[in-house]
Amino acid sequence: MNGPRRLPFPLVDLAREIPTLVVAQKYATPDNFTGRPAPDYLSLKPMAQPELALILKRATREIEEAGYSLVLFDAYRPESTIQYFVEWALQPENNPSLKERFYPRLEKRQLLEDGYIARVSPHGLGLAVDVTLDRQGMPLDMGTEFDFFDVLSHTDDGTIPLICQNNRQLLRSFLEKHGLKNYRKEWWHFSLRLK
């Protein structure tokens, strides 16, 4: 890989803009649904468009005043990474333990069909983030882990324990109050509302 291309839109470093942000970029490690670090992620800083960064900065202040921290799993995602995820989903299944952990009730190809993996993503424009909350270094229980592709991860799933439902609503309330929109199939995914 030659690394990310120069982009036609501005991006800012979220870690610089929000020094208290907990950065846990899952795709820079093998601890993700593909089992490998994603292309161009190892050297990637957590980036977003300035408007999204400003919203996150305001939301983070409120989150911290309430005694929580915002944890970032993913922000700007290079086109090479988006394509890598699509190509991975089209390959035959070869890792039963990853399937069991991240998508036990779906086949890989269904992840594309059901909208869990997108060919075009707001992450590719720096307009989306994947996040969670923690308190004193302990992640809040959201009922599933990040990137668990299943109806149990739908933000309003009513079958998970009530405490997990409440934690999801808490995360959503902090971010939607400041102008972000949640993707209903993924409790962790928030993007700028398009005007």
Protein backbone atom coordinates (compact mmCIF):
# COMPACT_ATOMS: atom_id res chain seq x y z
CA MET A 1 0.00 0.00 0.00
CA ASN A 2 1.19 3.52 -0.78
CA GLY A 3 -0.67 5.10 2.14
CA PRO A 4 -3.64 7.46 2.14
CA ARG A 5 -3.94 9.91 -0.75
CA ARG A 6 -4.17 13.65 -0.29
CA LEU A 7 -7.82 14.42 0.43
CA PRO A 8 -10.05 17.06 -1.19
CA PHE A 9 -11.45 18.03 2.25
CA PRO A 10 -9.84 19.20 5.50
CA LEU A 11 -9.31 16.86 8.43
CA VAL A 12 -8.16 17.63 11.95
CA ASP A 13 -6.48 15.39 14.50
CA LEU A 14 -9.11 14.51 17.11
CA ALA A 15 -6.49 13.58 19.71
CA ARG A 16 -4.97 17.05 19.40
CA GLU A 17 -8.35 18.81 19.44
CA ILE A 18 -9.67 16.74 22.35
CA PRO A 19 -6.69 15.77 24.55
CA THR A 20 -8.88 13.78 26.97
CA LEU A 21 -10.34 11.60 24.21
CA VAL A 22 -9.51 7.93 24.78
CA VAL A 23 -8.22 6.65 21.44
CA ALA A 24 -8.60 2.91 20.84
CA GLN A 25 -8.40 2.58 17.07
CA LYS A 26 -9.49 -1.04 16.67
CA TYR A 27 -8.60 -1.29 12.98
CA ALA A 28 -4.94 -0.48 13.68
CA THR A 29 -4.77 -3.80 15.57
CA PRO A 30 -5.76 -7.40 14.80
CA ASP A 31 -8.53 -7.07 17.43
CA ASN A 32 -11.26 -6.49 14.86
CA PHE A 33 -13.68 -8.53 12.75
CA THR A 34 -11.08 -9.24 10.02
CA GLY A 35 -8.45 -10.47 12.48
CA ARG A 36 -5.76 -8.21 10.95
CA PRO A 37 -4.77 -4.56 11.08
CA ALA A 38 -6.52 -2.68 8.28
CA PRO A 39 -4.44 -1.13 5.48
CA ASP A 40 -3.19 2.40 6.15
CA TYR A 41 -4.34 2.34 9.77
CA LEU A 42 -1.06 1.75 11.58
CA SER A 43 0.18 5.28 10.89
CA LEU A 44 -3.23 6.95 10.85
CA LYS A 45 -4.12 9.54 13.45
CA PRO A 46 -7.78 9.75 14.54
CA MET A 47 -9.03 12.34 12.06
CA ALA A 48 -12.36 14.00 11.28
CA GLN A 49 -13.71 17.02 9.46
CA PRO A 50 -13.51 20.23 11.56
CA GLU A 51 -17.27 20.48 12.13
CA LEU A 52 -17.42 16.95 13.52
CA ALA A 53 -14.35 17.63 15.69
CA LEU A 54 -16.01 20.73 17.14
CA ILE A 55 -19.19 18.81 17.96
CA LEU A 56 -17.19 16.02 19.60
CA LYS A 57 -15.24 18.57 21.63
CA ARG A 58 -18.47 20.09 23.00
CA ALA A 59 -20.00 16.68 23.65
CA THR A 60 -16.83 15.44 25.37
CA ARG A 61 -16.93 18.37 27.79
CA GLU A 62 -20.46 17.44 28.82
CA ILE A 63 -19.59 13.72 28.97
CA GLU A 64 -16.67 14.45 31.29
CA GLU A 65 -18.75 16.76 33.49
CA ALA A 66 -21.08 13.78 34.00
CA GLY A 67 -18.14 11.60 35.09
CA TYR A 68 -17.53 9.63 31.87
CA SER A 69 -14.90 9.52 29.14
CA LEU A 70 -15.48 9.24 25.40
CA VAL A 71 -13.66 6.31 23.77
CA LEU A 72 -12.99 6.46 20.02
CA PHE A 73 -12.81 3.22 18.01
CA ASP A 74 -12.82 4.72 14.52
CA ALA A 75 -13.10 8.08 12.76
CA TYR A 76 -11.79 8.93 9.26
CA ARG A 77 -11.32 5.71 7.34
CA PRO A 78 -9.14 5.69 4.20
CA GLU A 79 -10.71 4.46 0.97
CA SER A 80 -8.18 1.61 0.99
CA THR A 81 -9.59 0.41 4.32
CA ILE A 82 -13.20 0.66 3.12
CA GLN A 83 -12.26 -1.40 0.06
CA TYR A 84 -10.36 -3.88 2.23
CA PHE A 85 -13.50 -4.49 4.33
CA VAL A 86 -15.63 -4.99 1.20
CA GLU A 87 -13.13 -7.43 -0.32
CA TRP A 88 -12.86 -9.28 2.98
CA ALA A 89 -16.66 -9.70 3.09
CA LEU A 90 -16.64 -11.21 -0.41
CA GLN A 91 -14.02 -13.85 0.47
CA PRO A 92 -14.98 -17.34 1.69
CA GLU A 93 -15.25 -17.83 5.42
CA ASN A 94 -11.91 -18.90 6.87
CA ASN A 95 -11.94 -18.05 10.57
CA PRO A 96 -14.72 -19.67 12.63
CA SER A 97 -13.63 -17.97 15.87
CA LEU A 98 -13.96 -14.49 14.32
CA LYS A 99 -17.34 -15.44 12.88
CA GLU A 100 -18.51 -16.62 16.30
CA ARG A 101 -17.25 -13.47 17.98
CA PHE A 102 -18.43 -10.80 15.52
CA TYR A 103 -21.19 -12.16 13.25
CA PRO A 104 -22.42 -15.55 14.51
CA ARG A 105 -25.83 -15.45 12.80
CA LEU A 106 -24.73 -14.03 9.43
CA GLU A 107 -22.55 -15.07 6.54
CA LYS A 108 -19.79 -12.65 5.53
CA ARG A 109 -21.54 -11.59 2.32
CA GLN A 110 -24.64 -10.70 4.34
CA LEU A 111 -22.63 -8.06 6.19
CA LEU A 112 -22.66 -6.06 2.95
CA GLU A 113 -26.28 -6.82 2.13
CA ASP A 114 -27.48 -5.92 5.64
CA GLY A 115 -25.55 -2.64 5.84
CA TYR A 116 -22.95 -3.56 8.45
CA ILE A 117 -20.14 -3.09 5.94
CA ALA A 118 -20.63 -0.26 3.45
CA ARG A 119 -19.10 0.22 0.02
CA VAL A 120 -19.48 3.98 0.58
CA SER A 121 -19.12 5.18 4.15
CA PRO A 122 -19.34 8.58 5.88
CA HIS A 123 -16.14 7.44 7.62
CA GLY A 124 -14.41 7.86 4.24
CA LEU A 125 -15.28 11.56 4.31
CA GLY A 126 -14.34 12.13 7.93
CA LEU A 127 -18.01 12.62 8.80
CA ALA A 128 -18.53 9.69 11.20
CA VAL A 129 -17.12 8.21 14.38
CA ASP A 130 -17.50 4.92 16.24
CA VAL A 131 -17.45 5.53 19.99
CA THR A 132 -18.43 4.31 23.42
CA LEU A 133 -18.31 5.57 27.00
CA ASP A 134 -16.23 4.50 29.94
CA ARG A 135 -16.14 5.47 33.58
CA GLN A 136 -12.83 5.53 35.45
CA GLY A 137 -11.18 3.36 32.80
CA MET A 138 -13.96 0.74 32.67
CA PRO A 139 -16.11 0.59 29.53
CA LEU A 140 -19.84 0.82 30.07
CA ASP A 141 -21.67 -2.40 29.22
CA MET A 142 -23.47 -1.78 25.93
CA GLY A 143 -24.80 -5.34 25.60
CA THR A 144 -22.46 -6.28 22.74
CA GLU A 145 -18.93 -5.43 21.86
CA PHE A 146 -17.99 -2.97 19.13
CA ASP A 147 -18.56 -4.37 15.61
CA PHE A 148 -20.80 -7.21 16.75
CA PHE A 149 -22.91 -7.49 13.58
CA ASP A 150 -26.29 -8.65 14.80
CA VAL A 151 -29.71 -7.32 15.75
CA LEU A 152 -28.46 -7.30 19.34
CA SER A 153 -26.29 -4.32 18.34
CA HIS A 154 -29.23 -2.32 17.00
CA THR A 155 -29.34 0.75 19.21
CA ASP A 156 -32.95 0.22 20.30
CA ASP A 157 -32.79 -3.56 20.73
CA GLY A 158 -35.11 -4.35 23.62
CA THR A 159 -33.80 -7.84 24.39
CA ILE A 160 -30.51 -6.83 26.00
CA PRO A 161 -30.41 -6.12 29.77
CA LEU A 162 -31.99 -2.85 30.84
CA ILE A 163 -28.70 -1.44 32.11
CA CYS A 164 -27.21 -1.93 28.62
CA GLN A 165 -30.23 -0.29 26.99
CA ASN A 166 -29.81 2.66 29.37
CA ASN A 167 -26.08 2.92 28.59
CA ARG A 168 -26.80 3.03 24.85
CA GLN A 169 -29.39 5.75 25.37
CA LEU A 170 -26.95 7.72 27.52
CA LEU A 171 -24.31 7.62 24.76
CA ARG A 172 -26.88 8.56 22.14
CA SER A 173 -28.28 11.42 24.22
CA PHE A 174 -24.84 12.97 24.75
CA LEU A 175 -24.04 12.93 21.02
CA GLU A 176 -27.43 13.60 19.43
CA LYS A 177 -27.91 16.64 21.67
CA HIS A 178 -24.91 18.18 19.91
CA GLY A 179 -26.07 17.37 16.38
CA LEU A 180 -24.88 13.85 15.57
CA LYS A 181 -27.09 11.08 14.24
CA ASN A 182 -26.91 7.45 15.32
CA TYR A 183 -27.01 4.60 12.78
CA ARG A 184 -29.84 2.46 14.13
CA LYS A 185 -28.07 -0.89 13.45
CA GLU A 186 -24.90 0.03 15.35
CA TRP A 187 -25.09 1.60 18.82
CA TRP A 188 -21.50 2.89 18.40
CA HIS A 189 -21.83 4.71 15.04
CA PHE A 190 -22.56 8.45 14.86
CA SER A 191 -22.31 10.86 11.94
CA LEU A 192 -22.98 14.49 11.14
CA ARG A 193 -26.56 15.20 10.22
CA LEU A 194 -26.59 16.21 6.57
CA LYS A 195 -28.33 19.54 6.10
